[in-house]
């Protein structure tokens, strides 16, 4: 390989890295906060980070450090709060042997969500809702997962079902706005949901940023 070809190869790798990073940042900006089970007011977690493997650090429904070992005992976690691979494989084996242990199924679903293994997360969330129906947080996480799989209508259905279970469930509305505005380009419908979302979360900076982006896109489309 001559020097020119080598230079072009290096530049190509750098360009791919930068483009991939920017794409990740754009998607992260669209990804809403998630809520820890039992916490009805404070958003938690970071944007989702593919096979049962390490989860994202930080709080949220899928706190990888709390993934249970067989028997339900919480694991110690690895460096940075992420579970070691052996622990995750142990949890997967445990769920295979105890498919009706709802807590373990949910933890494994959340781990797969965090590493963006969307198909596996979808199947696990679906099974969890068979075990424990009418869980608005899990309905919302399943809806986000379906959105990532391009199943926008099914995602909207999950978000709206979550709102029927909990009329104050703002995260499902947040995600409904994202699908309507960004994926389906139905900006008028998104604004209708956004108005309700603002009423529920008038001081939430995430909601304010979302509203500003919807408004910007509507003006650009005019």
N, C-alpha and C. Protein backbone atom coordinates (compact mmCIF):
# COMPACT_ATOMS: atom_id res chain seq x y z
N UNK A 1 0.85 -1.19 0.00
CA UNK A 1 0.00 0.00 0.00
C UNK A 1 0.89 1.25 0.00
N UNK A 2 0.69 2.20 -0.99
CA UNK A 2 1.50 3.40 -1.00
C UNK A 2 1.01 4.39 0.05
N UNK A 3 1.75 5.48 0.18
CA UNK A 3 1.42 6.45 1.24
C UNK A 3 0.06 7.09 1.05
N UNK A 4 -0.30 7.39 -0.23
CA UNK A 4 -1.59 8.03 -0.48
C UNK A 4 -2.74 7.12 -0.07
N UNK A 5 -2.65 5.84 -0.45
CA UNK A 5 -3.70 4.90 -0.08
C UNK A 5 -3.80 4.73 1.42
N UNK A 6 -2.66 4.70 2.08
CA UNK A 6 -2.65 4.57 3.54
C UNK A 6 -3.30 5.78 4.19
N UNK A 7 -3.01 6.97 3.66
CA UNK A 7 -3.61 8.19 4.20
C UNK A 7 -5.11 8.18 4.03
N UNK A 8 -5.58 7.78 2.82
CA UNK A 8 -7.03 7.72 2.60
C UNK A 8 -7.69 6.70 3.52
N UNK A 9 -7.02 5.57 3.77
CA UNK A 9 -7.58 4.55 4.66
C UNK A 9 -7.72 5.09 6.08
N UNK A 10 -6.69 5.81 6.54
CA UNK A 10 -6.74 6.38 7.89
C UNK A 10 -7.85 7.41 7.99
N UNK A 11 -7.95 8.29 6.98
CA UNK A 11 -9.00 9.30 6.98
C UNK A 11 -10.38 8.65 6.95
N UNK A 12 -10.51 7.54 6.21
CA UNK A 12 -11.81 6.85 6.15
C UNK A 12 -12.21 6.30 7.50
N UNK A 13 -11.26 5.73 8.23
CA UNK A 13 -11.55 5.19 9.56
C UNK A 13 -11.95 6.32 10.50
N UNK A 14 -11.21 7.45 10.45
CA UNK A 14 -11.54 8.58 11.32
C UNK A 14 -12.91 9.14 11.00
N UNK A 15 -13.23 9.25 9.70
CA UNK A 15 -14.54 9.76 9.31
C UNK A 15 -15.66 8.85 9.81
N UNK A 16 -15.45 7.54 9.68
CA UNK A 16 -16.47 6.60 10.15
C UNK A 16 -16.67 6.70 11.64
N UNK A 17 -15.58 6.87 12.38
CA UNK A 17 -15.69 7.00 13.83
C UNK A 17 -16.47 8.24 14.22
N UNK A 18 -16.12 9.39 13.58
CA UNK A 18 -16.80 10.65 13.90
C UNK A 18 -18.26 10.58 13.52
N UNK A 19 -18.56 10.02 12.34
CA UNK A 19 -19.96 9.93 11.91
C UNK A 19 -20.76 9.04 12.85
N UNK A 20 -20.17 7.93 13.26
CA UNK A 20 -20.86 7.05 14.20
C UNK A 20 -21.10 7.71 15.53
N UNK A 21 -20.12 8.47 16.01
CA UNK A 21 -20.28 9.17 17.29
C UNK A 21 -21.39 10.21 17.21
N UNK A 22 -21.43 10.99 16.11
CA UNK A 22 -22.46 12.00 15.97
C UNK A 22 -23.84 11.39 15.88
N UNK A 23 -23.96 10.26 15.15
CA UNK A 23 -25.25 9.58 15.06
C UNK A 23 -25.71 9.11 16.42
N UNK A 24 -24.78 8.58 17.22
CA UNK A 24 -25.13 8.13 18.56
C UNK A 24 -25.61 9.29 19.42
N UNK A 25 -24.93 10.46 19.28
CA UNK A 25 -25.33 11.62 20.06
C UNK A 25 -26.72 12.10 19.67
N UNK A 26 -27.03 12.08 18.36
CA UNK A 26 -28.36 12.50 17.91
C UNK A 26 -29.43 11.58 18.48
N UNK A 27 -29.20 10.26 18.42
CA UNK A 27 -30.18 9.32 18.93
C UNK A 27 -30.33 9.44 20.44
N UNK A 28 -29.22 9.69 21.12
CA UNK A 28 -29.28 9.85 22.57
C UNK A 28 -30.10 11.07 22.94
N UNK A 29 -30.00 12.13 22.13
CA UNK A 29 -30.75 13.34 22.43
C UNK A 29 -32.24 13.11 22.31
N UNK A 30 -32.64 12.12 21.47
CA UNK A 30 -34.06 11.83 21.30
C UNK A 30 -34.57 10.83 22.33
N UNK A 31 -33.69 10.16 22.99
CA UNK A 31 -34.10 9.07 23.87
C UNK A 31 -34.54 9.62 25.22
N UNK A 32 -35.76 9.38 25.62
CA UNK A 32 -36.27 9.95 26.87
C UNK A 32 -35.71 9.25 28.09
N UNK A 33 -35.84 9.91 29.24
CA UNK A 33 -35.46 9.24 30.48
C UNK A 33 -36.39 8.09 30.79
N UNK A 34 -35.90 7.14 31.51
CA UNK A 34 -36.71 6.01 31.95
C UNK A 34 -36.91 6.11 33.44
N UNK A 35 -37.83 5.35 33.96
CA UNK A 35 -38.18 5.46 35.36
C UNK A 35 -37.89 4.18 36.10
N UNK A 36 -37.31 4.31 37.27
CA UNK A 36 -37.07 3.15 38.11
C UNK A 36 -38.38 2.61 38.63
N UNK A 37 -38.53 1.28 38.72
CA UNK A 37 -39.76 0.70 39.27
C UNK A 37 -40.06 1.27 40.65
N UNK A 38 -41.28 1.72 40.85
CA UNK A 38 -41.70 2.23 42.14
C UNK A 38 -41.49 3.71 42.31
N UNK A 39 -40.77 4.38 41.40
CA UNK A 39 -40.55 5.81 41.49
C UNK A 39 -41.46 6.49 40.49
N UNK A 40 -42.45 7.23 40.97
CA UNK A 40 -43.47 7.78 40.10
C UNK A 40 -43.22 9.23 39.72
N UNK A 41 -42.05 9.77 40.06
CA UNK A 41 -41.87 11.18 39.76
C UNK A 41 -40.52 11.53 39.16
N UNK A 42 -39.49 10.80 39.52
CA UNK A 42 -38.15 11.21 39.13
C UNK A 42 -37.66 10.40 37.94
N UNK A 43 -37.31 11.03 36.81
CA UNK A 43 -36.77 10.28 35.69
C UNK A 43 -35.43 9.69 36.06
N UNK A 44 -35.15 8.50 35.54
CA UNK A 44 -33.89 7.83 35.88
C UNK A 44 -33.31 7.18 34.67
N UNK A 45 -32.04 6.87 34.75
CA UNK A 45 -31.38 6.11 33.69
C UNK A 45 -30.76 7.01 32.65
N UNK A 46 -29.99 6.40 31.80
CA UNK A 46 -29.33 7.11 30.71
C UNK A 46 -29.83 6.53 29.41
N UNK A 47 -29.55 7.16 28.27
CA UNK A 47 -29.96 6.58 27.00
C UNK A 47 -29.45 5.16 26.87
N UNK A 48 -30.23 4.24 26.27
CA UNK A 48 -29.83 2.84 26.20
C UNK A 48 -28.59 2.65 25.39
N UNK A 49 -27.76 1.85 25.89
CA UNK A 49 -26.50 1.67 25.29
C UNK A 49 -26.46 0.73 24.09
N UNK A 50 -25.42 -6.33 22.44
CA UNK A 50 -26.58 -6.65 21.68
C UNK A 50 -26.52 -8.12 21.84
N UNK A 51 -27.26 -9.73 22.54
CA UNK A 51 -26.93 -10.84 23.38
C UNK A 51 -26.91 -10.33 24.80
N UNK A 52 -27.15 -11.18 25.70
CA UNK A 52 -27.15 -10.80 27.11
C UNK A 52 -25.72 -10.46 27.49
N UNK A 53 -25.44 -9.24 27.73
CA UNK A 53 -24.09 -8.81 28.07
C UNK A 53 -24.16 -7.63 28.99
N UNK A 54 -23.06 -6.88 29.14
CA UNK A 54 -22.98 -5.85 30.15
C UNK A 54 -24.00 -4.75 29.91
N UNK A 55 -24.59 -4.24 30.99
CA UNK A 55 -25.55 -3.16 30.91
C UNK A 55 -24.87 -1.83 31.13
N UNK A 56 -25.65 -0.75 30.97
CA UNK A 56 -25.10 0.59 31.14
C UNK A 56 -24.95 0.92 32.60
N UNK A 57 -23.97 1.76 32.91
CA UNK A 57 -23.81 2.23 34.28
C UNK A 57 -24.85 3.28 34.55
N UNK A 58 -25.09 3.57 35.82
CA UNK A 58 -26.04 4.60 36.19
C UNK A 58 -27.35 4.01 36.63
N UNK A 59 -28.22 4.81 37.28
CA UNK A 59 -29.49 4.33 37.79
C UNK A 59 -30.47 4.08 36.67
N UNK A 60 -31.55 3.40 36.99
CA UNK A 60 -32.59 3.16 36.00
C UNK A 60 -33.15 1.78 36.17
N UNK A 61 -34.19 1.44 35.36
CA UNK A 61 -34.83 0.14 35.48
C UNK A 61 -33.86 -1.00 35.31
N UNK A 62 -32.78 -0.77 34.56
CA UNK A 62 -31.84 -1.86 34.30
C UNK A 62 -30.52 -1.57 34.97
N UNK A 63 -30.53 -1.45 36.27
CA UNK A 63 -29.28 -1.26 37.00
C UNK A 63 -28.54 -2.58 37.01
N UNK A 64 -27.53 -2.68 36.14
CA UNK A 64 -26.87 -3.97 35.92
C UNK A 64 -26.24 -4.52 37.18
N UNK A 65 -25.83 -3.64 38.08
CA UNK A 65 -25.17 -4.12 39.29
C UNK A 65 -26.09 -4.92 40.17
N UNK A 66 -27.41 -4.76 39.98
CA UNK A 66 -28.37 -5.46 40.81
C UNK A 66 -28.93 -6.71 40.15
N UNK A 67 -28.37 -7.11 39.02
CA UNK A 67 -28.87 -8.31 38.37
C UNK A 67 -28.68 -9.51 39.30
N UNK A 68 -29.75 -10.31 39.52
CA UNK A 68 -29.66 -11.36 40.52
C UNK A 68 -28.93 -12.59 40.03
N UNK A 69 -28.24 -13.21 40.92
CA UNK A 69 -27.72 -14.55 40.66
C UNK A 69 -28.84 -15.54 40.92
N UNK A 70 -28.71 -16.80 40.48
CA UNK A 70 -29.74 -17.79 40.79
C UNK A 70 -30.08 -17.78 42.26
N UNK A 71 -31.38 -17.88 42.52
CA UNK A 71 -31.84 -17.81 43.90
C UNK A 71 -32.27 -16.42 44.28
N UNK A 72 -32.07 -15.44 43.36
CA UNK A 72 -32.55 -14.09 43.59
C UNK A 72 -31.58 -13.20 44.33
N UNK A 73 -30.40 -13.68 44.70
CA UNK A 73 -29.45 -12.83 45.42
C UNK A 73 -28.83 -11.83 44.47
N UNK A 74 -28.77 -10.53 44.85
CA UNK A 74 -28.17 -9.54 43.97
C UNK A 74 -26.68 -9.77 43.81
N UNK A 75 -26.18 -9.53 42.62
CA UNK A 75 -24.76 -9.70 42.35
C UNK A 75 -23.97 -8.49 42.78
N UNK A 76 -22.68 -8.65 42.89
CA UNK A 76 -21.85 -7.54 43.34
C UNK A 76 -21.54 -6.56 42.22
N UNK A 77 -21.59 -7.02 40.99
CA UNK A 77 -21.30 -6.15 39.87
C UNK A 77 -19.81 -6.05 39.62
N UNK A 78 -19.47 -5.57 38.43
CA UNK A 78 -18.08 -5.45 38.05
C UNK A 78 -17.63 -4.01 38.08
N UNK A 79 -16.48 -3.71 37.49
CA UNK A 79 -15.97 -2.34 37.47
C UNK A 79 -16.95 -1.40 36.79
N UNK A 80 -17.10 -0.19 37.35
CA UNK A 80 -17.99 0.79 36.76
C UNK A 80 -19.45 0.47 36.96
N UNK A 81 -19.78 -0.46 37.84
CA UNK A 81 -21.17 -0.81 38.09
C UNK A 81 -21.74 -1.79 37.09
N UNK A 82 -20.94 -2.27 36.16
CA UNK A 82 -21.42 -3.21 35.17
C UNK A 82 -21.18 -4.64 35.64
N UNK A 83 -22.13 -5.53 35.38
CA UNK A 83 -21.97 -6.91 35.83
C UNK A 83 -20.96 -7.65 34.98
N UNK A 84 -20.18 -8.53 35.58
CA UNK A 84 -19.27 -9.35 34.78
C UNK A 84 -20.06 -10.31 33.91
N UNK A 85 -19.44 -10.73 32.81
CA UNK A 85 -20.13 -11.61 31.87
C UNK A 85 -20.62 -12.88 32.54
N UNK A 86 -19.83 -13.42 33.47
CA UNK A 86 -20.24 -14.65 34.15
C UNK A 86 -21.56 -14.44 34.88
N UNK A 87 -21.74 -13.26 35.47
CA UNK A 87 -22.98 -12.99 36.19
C UNK A 87 -24.17 -12.92 35.25
N UNK A 88 -23.96 -12.32 34.08
CA UNK A 88 -25.05 -12.20 33.12
C UNK A 88 -25.44 -13.57 32.57
N UNK A 89 -24.43 -14.37 32.26
CA UNK A 89 -24.72 -15.72 31.78
C UNK A 89 -25.44 -16.52 32.85
N UNK A 90 -25.07 -16.28 34.09
CA UNK A 90 -25.73 -16.96 35.21
C UNK A 90 -27.20 -16.54 35.29
N UNK A 91 -27.45 -15.25 35.10
CA UNK A 91 -28.83 -14.77 35.12
C UNK A 91 -29.62 -15.35 33.96
N UNK A 92 -29.01 -15.40 32.78
CA UNK A 92 -29.71 -15.97 31.63
C UNK A 92 -30.06 -17.43 31.86
N UNK A 93 -29.10 -18.17 32.41
CA UNK A 93 -29.37 -19.57 32.73
C UNK A 93 -30.48 -19.70 33.75
N UNK A 94 -30.44 -18.82 34.75
CA UNK A 94 -31.48 -18.85 35.79
C UNK A 94 -32.87 -18.59 35.19
N UNK A 95 -32.97 -17.61 34.29
CA UNK A 95 -34.26 -17.31 33.67
C UNK A 95 -34.74 -18.47 32.80
N UNK A 96 -33.80 -19.13 32.14
CA UNK A 96 -34.19 -20.30 31.34
C UNK A 96 -34.77 -21.40 32.22
N UNK A 97 -34.21 -21.54 33.41
CA UNK A 97 -34.67 -22.57 34.34
C UNK A 97 -35.88 -22.14 35.15
N UNK A 98 -36.08 -20.83 35.30
CA UNK A 98 -37.19 -20.29 36.08
C UNK A 98 -37.90 -19.21 35.27
N UNK A 99 -38.56 -19.58 34.18
CA UNK A 99 -39.14 -18.58 33.28
C UNK A 99 -40.28 -17.78 33.88
N UNK A 100 -40.81 -18.23 35.02
CA UNK A 100 -41.91 -17.51 35.65
C UNK A 100 -41.45 -16.66 36.83
N UNK A 101 -40.15 -16.52 37.01
CA UNK A 101 -39.63 -15.60 38.02
C UNK A 101 -39.65 -14.20 37.40
N UNK A 102 -40.72 -13.46 37.66
CA UNK A 102 -40.95 -12.19 36.97
C UNK A 102 -39.83 -11.19 37.22
N UNK A 103 -39.34 -11.12 38.46
CA UNK A 103 -38.29 -10.16 38.77
C UNK A 103 -37.02 -10.43 37.96
N UNK A 104 -36.65 -11.70 37.85
CA UNK A 104 -35.45 -12.07 37.09
C UNK A 104 -35.66 -11.80 35.61
N UNK A 105 -36.85 -12.09 35.09
CA UNK A 105 -37.15 -11.82 33.68
C UNK A 105 -37.01 -10.33 33.38
N UNK A 106 -37.53 -9.50 34.29
CA UNK A 106 -37.45 -8.06 34.07
C UNK A 106 -36.01 -7.57 34.11
N UNK A 107 -35.22 -8.07 35.05
CA UNK A 107 -33.82 -7.65 35.13
C UNK A 107 -33.06 -8.02 33.86
N UNK A 108 -33.33 -9.21 33.35
CA UNK A 108 -32.65 -9.63 32.12
C UNK A 108 -33.13 -8.81 30.93
N UNK A 109 -34.42 -8.49 30.92
CA UNK A 109 -34.96 -7.62 29.86
C UNK A 109 -34.28 -6.27 29.88
N UNK A 110 -34.12 -5.71 31.08
CA UNK A 110 -33.49 -4.39 31.21
C UNK A 110 -32.03 -4.41 30.78
N UNK A 111 -31.33 -5.49 31.09
CA UNK A 111 -29.94 -5.61 30.65
C UNK A 111 -29.86 -5.60 29.13
N UNK A 112 -30.76 -6.34 28.49
CA UNK A 112 -30.77 -6.38 27.03
C UNK A 112 -31.18 -5.05 26.43
N UNK A 113 -32.08 -4.35 27.10
CA UNK A 113 -32.45 -2.99 26.68
C UNK A 113 -31.21 -2.10 26.69
N UNK A 114 -30.46 -2.14 27.78
CA UNK A 114 -29.32 -1.25 27.94
C UNK A 114 -28.23 -1.49 26.90
N UNK A 115 -28.09 -2.72 26.44
CA UNK A 115 -27.07 -3.01 25.43
C UNK A 115 -27.67 -3.02 24.02
N UNK A 116 -28.94 -2.57 23.91
CA UNK A 116 -29.62 -2.42 22.63
C UNK A 116 -29.82 -3.74 21.89
N UNK A 117 -29.99 -4.80 22.64
CA UNK A 117 -30.36 -6.09 22.05
C UNK A 117 -31.89 -6.11 21.99
N UNK A 118 -32.43 -5.39 21.02
CA UNK A 118 -33.85 -5.06 21.02
C UNK A 118 -34.76 -6.28 20.88
N UNK A 119 -34.39 -7.23 20.04
CA UNK A 119 -35.26 -8.40 19.84
C UNK A 119 -35.38 -9.20 21.13
N UNK A 120 -34.26 -9.43 21.80
CA UNK A 120 -34.28 -10.18 23.06
C UNK A 120 -35.02 -9.39 24.14
N UNK A 121 -34.78 -8.09 24.20
CA UNK A 121 -35.49 -7.26 25.18
C UNK A 121 -36.99 -7.30 24.93
N UNK A 122 -37.39 -7.22 23.67
CA UNK A 122 -38.82 -7.29 23.34
C UNK A 122 -39.46 -8.57 23.85
N UNK A 123 -38.79 -9.70 23.60
CA UNK A 123 -39.37 -10.99 24.01
C UNK A 123 -39.47 -11.09 25.54
N UNK A 124 -38.46 -10.59 26.22
CA UNK A 124 -38.46 -10.67 27.68
C UNK A 124 -39.49 -9.72 28.30
N UNK A 125 -39.58 -8.51 27.79
CA UNK A 125 -40.60 -7.58 28.29
C UNK A 125 -42.01 -8.13 28.05
N UNK A 126 -42.20 -8.71 26.87
CA UNK A 126 -43.51 -9.29 26.55
C UNK A 126 -43.85 -10.40 27.53
N UNK A 127 -42.88 -11.25 27.84
CA UNK A 127 -43.13 -12.33 28.79
C UNK A 127 -43.39 -11.78 30.19
N UNK A 128 -42.65 -10.75 30.57
CA UNK A 128 -42.87 -10.15 31.88
C UNK A 128 -44.30 -9.61 32.01
N UNK A 129 -44.80 -8.97 30.96
CA UNK A 129 -46.16 -8.43 31.00
C UNK A 129 -47.21 -9.52 30.99
N UNK A 130 -46.84 -10.71 30.50
CA UNK A 130 -47.75 -11.85 30.62
C UNK A 130 -47.82 -12.30 32.08
N UNK A 131 -46.68 -12.19 32.78
CA UNK A 131 -46.64 -12.58 34.19
C UNK A 131 -47.26 -11.51 35.09
N UNK A 132 -46.99 -10.26 34.74
CA UNK A 132 -47.49 -9.13 35.53
C UNK A 132 -48.06 -8.07 34.58
N UNK A 133 -49.32 -8.22 34.24
CA UNK A 133 -49.93 -7.27 33.30
C UNK A 133 -50.08 -5.87 33.90
N UNK A 134 -50.34 -4.94 33.03
CA UNK A 134 -50.69 -3.57 33.44
C UNK A 134 -49.59 -2.89 34.24
N UNK A 135 -48.37 -3.00 33.77
CA UNK A 135 -47.23 -2.30 34.37
C UNK A 135 -46.82 -1.17 33.42
N UNK A 136 -47.19 0.08 33.71
CA UNK A 136 -46.95 1.15 32.73
C UNK A 136 -45.48 1.40 32.42
N UNK A 137 -44.60 1.23 33.42
CA UNK A 137 -43.18 1.43 33.14
C UNK A 137 -42.67 0.41 32.13
N UNK A 138 -43.04 -0.84 32.32
CA UNK A 138 -42.58 -1.90 31.41
C UNK A 138 -43.25 -1.77 30.05
N UNK A 139 -44.52 -1.36 30.04
CA UNK A 139 -45.17 -1.10 28.76
C UNK A 139 -44.41 -0.03 27.97
N UNK A 140 -43.95 0.99 28.69
CA UNK A 140 -43.21 2.06 28.04
C UNK A 140 -41.87 1.56 27.52
N UNK A 141 -41.15 0.79 28.33
CA UNK A 141 -39.87 0.24 27.87
C UNK A 141 -40.08 -0.69 26.68
N UNK A 142 -41.14 -1.47 26.69
CA UNK A 142 -41.43 -2.33 25.54
C UNK A 142 -41.77 -1.48 24.33
N UNK A 143 -42.50 -0.39 24.54
CA UNK A 143 -42.80 0.51 23.43
C UNK A 143 -41.55 1.12 22.82
N UNK A 144 -40.61 1.55 23.68
CA UNK A 144 -39.34 2.09 23.18
C UNK A 144 -38.60 1.02 22.38
N UNK A 145 -38.63 -0.21 22.89
CA UNK A 145 -37.96 -1.31 22.20
C UNK A 145 -38.59 -1.55 20.82
N UNK A 146 -39.91 -1.52 20.75
CA UNK A 146 -40.59 -1.70 19.47
C UNK A 146 -40.27 -0.55 18.51
N UNK A 147 -40.16 0.64 19.05
CA UNK A 147 -39.75 1.78 18.22
C UNK A 147 -38.39 1.52 17.59
N UNK A 148 -37.46 1.02 18.38
CA UNK A 148 -36.12 0.74 17.86
C UNK A 148 -36.15 -0.34 16.79
N UNK A 149 -37.16 -1.19 16.84
CA UNK A 149 -37.33 -2.24 15.82
C UNK A 149 -38.16 -1.75 14.64
N UNK A 150 -38.53 -0.47 14.64
CA UNK A 150 -39.28 0.11 13.53
C UNK A 150 -40.77 -0.17 13.57
N UNK A 151 -41.27 -0.67 14.69
CA UNK A 151 -42.69 -1.01 14.82
C UNK A 151 -43.42 0.14 15.52
N UNK A 152 -43.59 1.23 14.79
CA UNK A 152 -44.05 2.47 15.39
C UNK A 152 -45.50 2.41 15.88
N UNK A 153 -46.38 1.78 15.10
CA UNK A 153 -47.78 1.70 15.52
C UNK A 153 -47.93 0.86 16.79
N UNK A 154 -47.18 -0.23 16.87
CA UNK A 154 -47.24 -1.05 18.08
C UNK A 154 -46.66 -0.30 19.28
N UNK A 155 -45.64 0.50 19.03
CA UNK A 155 -45.06 1.30 20.10
C UNK A 155 -46.09 2.30 20.63
N UNK A 156 -46.77 2.98 19.73
CA UNK A 156 -47.79 3.94 20.14
C UNK A 156 -48.88 3.26 20.95
N UNK A 157 -49.27 2.06 20.53
CA UNK A 157 -50.30 1.33 21.26
C UNK A 157 -49.86 1.03 22.69
N UNK A 158 -48.59 0.66 22.88
CA UNK A 158 -48.07 0.40 24.23
C UNK A 158 -48.07 1.66 25.06
N UNK A 159 -47.64 2.79 24.50
CA UNK A 159 -47.60 4.04 25.26
C UNK A 159 -49.01 4.44 25.71
N UNK A 160 -49.98 4.27 24.84
CA UNK A 160 -51.35 4.66 25.17
C UNK A 160 -51.97 3.71 26.17
N UNK A 161 -51.61 2.45 26.10
CA UNK A 161 -52.08 1.50 27.11
C UNK A 161 -51.51 1.85 28.48
N UNK A 162 -50.25 2.28 28.51
CA UNK A 162 -49.64 2.69 29.77
C UNK A 162 -50.38 3.87 30.37
N UNK A 163 -50.81 4.80 29.54
CA UNK A 163 -51.54 5.97 30.03
C UNK A 163 -52.92 5.60 30.56
N UNK A 164 -53.53 4.57 29.99
CA UNK A 164 -54.82 4.11 30.50
C UNK A 164 -54.66 3.50 31.89
N UNK A 165 -53.54 2.83 32.12
CA UNK A 165 -53.28 2.25 33.43
C UNK A 165 -52.95 3.35 34.44
N UNK A 166 -52.15 4.33 34.02
CA UNK A 166 -51.74 5.42 34.90
C UNK A 166 -51.89 6.72 34.13
N UNK A 167 -52.93 7.47 34.45
CA UNK A 167 -53.23 8.70 33.70
C UNK A 167 -52.15 9.76 33.85
N UNK A 168 -51.30 9.64 34.87
CA UNK A 168 -50.23 10.61 35.10
C UNK A 168 -48.87 10.13 34.59
N UNK A 169 -48.86 9.08 33.83
CA UNK A 169 -47.60 8.49 33.39
C UNK A 169 -47.01 9.32 32.25
N UNK A 170 -46.13 10.25 32.62
CA UNK A 170 -45.63 11.21 31.63
C UNK A 170 -44.59 10.61 30.69
N UNK A 171 -43.84 9.59 31.15
CA UNK A 171 -42.82 9.03 30.28
C UNK A 171 -43.42 8.40 29.01
N UNK A 172 -44.58 7.77 29.15
CA UNK A 172 -45.22 7.18 27.97
C UNK A 172 -45.65 8.27 26.99
N UNK A 173 -46.11 9.41 27.52
CA UNK A 173 -46.46 10.53 26.65
C UNK A 173 -45.22 11.10 25.97
N UNK A 174 -44.14 11.20 26.72
CA UNK A 174 -42.87 11.70 26.16
C UNK A 174 -42.47 10.86 24.95
N UNK A 175 -42.53 9.56 25.11
CA UNK A 175 -42.17 8.66 24.02
C UNK A 175 -43.17 8.70 22.89
N UNK A 176 -44.43 8.91 23.21
CA UNK A 176 -45.44 9.04 22.16
C UNK A 176 -45.14 10.25 21.28
N UNK A 177 -44.74 11.35 21.90
CA UNK A 177 -44.37 12.54 21.14
C UNK A 177 -43.19 12.24 20.21
N UNK A 178 -42.20 11.54 20.72
CA UNK A 178 -41.02 11.21 19.91
C UNK A 178 -41.40 10.42 18.67
N UNK A 179 -42.23 9.40 18.84
CA UNK A 179 -42.62 8.58 17.69
C UNK A 179 -43.45 9.39 16.71
N UNK A 180 -44.41 10.14 17.23
CA UNK A 180 -45.28 10.93 16.35
C UNK A 180 -44.49 12.00 15.60
N UNK A 181 -43.63 12.72 16.31
CA UNK A 181 -42.94 13.86 15.69
C UNK A 181 -41.75 13.45 14.85
N UNK A 182 -40.89 12.57 15.38
CA UNK A 182 -39.62 12.27 14.74
C UNK A 182 -39.68 11.10 13.77
N UNK A 183 -40.48 10.09 14.11
CA UNK A 183 -40.54 8.89 13.27
C UNK A 183 -41.64 8.98 12.22
N UNK A 184 -42.82 9.42 12.63
CA UNK A 184 -43.96 9.45 11.73
C UNK A 184 -44.21 10.82 11.12
N UNK A 185 -43.51 11.85 11.61
CA UNK A 185 -43.63 13.22 11.10
C UNK A 185 -45.06 13.75 11.24
N UNK A 186 -45.77 13.27 12.23
CA UNK A 186 -47.14 13.75 12.49
C UNK A 186 -47.05 14.82 13.58
N UNK A 187 -46.61 16.00 13.17
CA UNK A 187 -46.28 17.06 14.12
C UNK A 187 -47.51 17.61 14.82
N UNK A 188 -48.63 17.73 14.12
CA UNK A 188 -49.84 18.25 14.76
C UNK A 188 -50.31 17.30 15.86
N UNK A 189 -50.29 16.00 15.57
CA UNK A 189 -50.68 15.03 16.59
C UNK A 189 -49.71 15.06 17.76
N UNK A 190 -48.43 15.21 17.46
CA UNK A 190 -47.42 15.28 18.52
C UNK A 190 -47.66 16.48 19.42
N UNK A 191 -48.04 17.61 18.86
CA UNK A 191 -48.28 18.80 19.67
C UNK A 191 -49.45 18.60 20.61
N UNK A 192 -50.46 17.85 20.18
CA UNK A 192 -51.59 17.57 21.06
C UNK A 192 -51.17 16.80 22.29
N UNK A 193 -50.32 15.78 22.11
CA UNK A 193 -49.82 15.00 23.24
C UNK A 193 -48.87 15.84 24.07
N UNK A 194 -48.10 16.67 23.40
CA UNK A 194 -47.12 17.52 24.09
C UNK A 194 -47.80 18.48 25.05
N UNK A 195 -48.96 18.99 24.68
CA UNK A 195 -49.68 19.89 25.56
C UNK A 195 -50.05 19.20 26.87
N UNK A 196 -50.47 17.96 26.79
CA UNK A 196 -50.79 17.19 27.98
C UNK A 196 -49.53 16.90 28.79
N UNK A 197 -48.45 16.63 28.09
CA UNK A 197 -47.17 16.35 28.75
C UNK A 197 -46.68 17.57 29.52
N UNK A 198 -46.81 18.75 28.94
CA UNK A 198 -46.41 19.98 29.63
C UNK A 198 -47.24 20.20 30.88
N UNK A 199 -48.50 19.85 30.80
CA UNK A 199 -49.36 20.01 31.98
C UNK A 199 -48.89 19.11 33.12
N UNK A 200 -48.47 17.90 32.78
CA UNK A 200 -48.02 16.96 33.80
C UNK A 200 -46.62 17.29 34.32
N UNK A 201 -45.77 17.84 33.47
CA UNK A 201 -44.37 18.10 33.82
C UNK A 201 -43.99 19.53 33.42
N UNK A 202 -44.57 20.55 34.06
CA UNK A 202 -44.34 21.93 33.62
C UNK A 202 -42.91 22.42 33.80
N UNK A 203 -42.17 21.85 34.74
CA UNK A 203 -40.81 22.34 35.02
C UNK A 203 -39.73 21.35 34.59
N UNK A 204 -40.09 20.34 33.83
CA UNK A 204 -39.14 19.31 33.44
C UNK A 204 -38.29 19.78 32.26
N UNK A 205 -36.97 19.90 32.43
CA UNK A 205 -36.12 20.39 31.32
C UNK A 205 -36.12 19.46 30.11
N UNK A 206 -36.28 18.15 30.33
CA UNK A 206 -36.34 17.21 29.20
C UNK A 206 -37.57 17.51 28.35
N UNK A 207 -38.68 17.78 29.01
CA UNK A 207 -39.91 18.11 28.29
C UNK A 207 -39.75 19.42 27.54
N UNK A 208 -39.11 20.40 28.16
CA UNK A 208 -38.88 21.69 27.51
C UNK A 208 -38.02 21.53 26.25
N UNK A 209 -36.97 20.71 26.34
CA UNK A 209 -36.12 20.48 25.17
C UNK A 209 -36.88 19.77 24.07
N UNK A 210 -37.70 18.81 24.46
CA UNK A 210 -38.50 18.09 23.47
C UNK A 210 -39.47 19.04 22.78
N UNK A 211 -40.13 19.89 23.56
CA UNK A 211 -41.07 20.85 22.99
C UNK A 211 -40.38 21.79 22.02
N UNK A 212 -39.17 22.25 22.38
CA UNK A 212 -38.43 23.15 21.51
C UNK A 212 -38.07 22.48 20.19
N UNK A 213 -37.69 21.21 20.24
CA UNK A 213 -37.33 20.50 19.02
C UNK A 213 -38.55 20.27 18.14
N UNK A 214 -39.69 19.93 18.74
CA UNK A 214 -40.92 19.77 17.95
C UNK A 214 -41.30 21.08 17.29
N UNK A 215 -41.20 22.18 18.04
CA UNK A 215 -41.53 23.49 17.49
C UNK A 215 -40.58 23.86 16.35
N UNK A 216 -39.29 23.56 16.52
CA UNK A 216 -38.32 23.86 15.47
C UNK A 216 -38.64 23.11 14.19
N UNK A 217 -38.99 21.84 14.33
CA UNK A 217 -39.28 21.03 13.15
C UNK A 217 -40.58 21.48 12.47
N UNK A 218 -41.54 21.91 13.28
CA UNK A 218 -42.79 22.36 12.69
C UNK A 218 -42.57 23.64 11.89
N UNK A 219 -41.74 24.54 12.43
CA UNK A 219 -41.44 25.77 11.69
C UNK A 219 -40.66 25.48 10.41
N UNK A 220 -39.76 24.51 10.49
CA UNK A 220 -38.96 24.16 9.31
C UNK A 220 -39.83 23.55 8.21
N UNK A 221 -40.88 22.85 8.62
CA UNK A 221 -41.75 22.17 7.67
C UNK A 221 -42.79 23.13 7.06
N UNK A 222 -42.96 24.29 7.69
CA UNK A 222 -43.98 25.24 7.23
C UNK A 222 -43.57 25.90 5.91
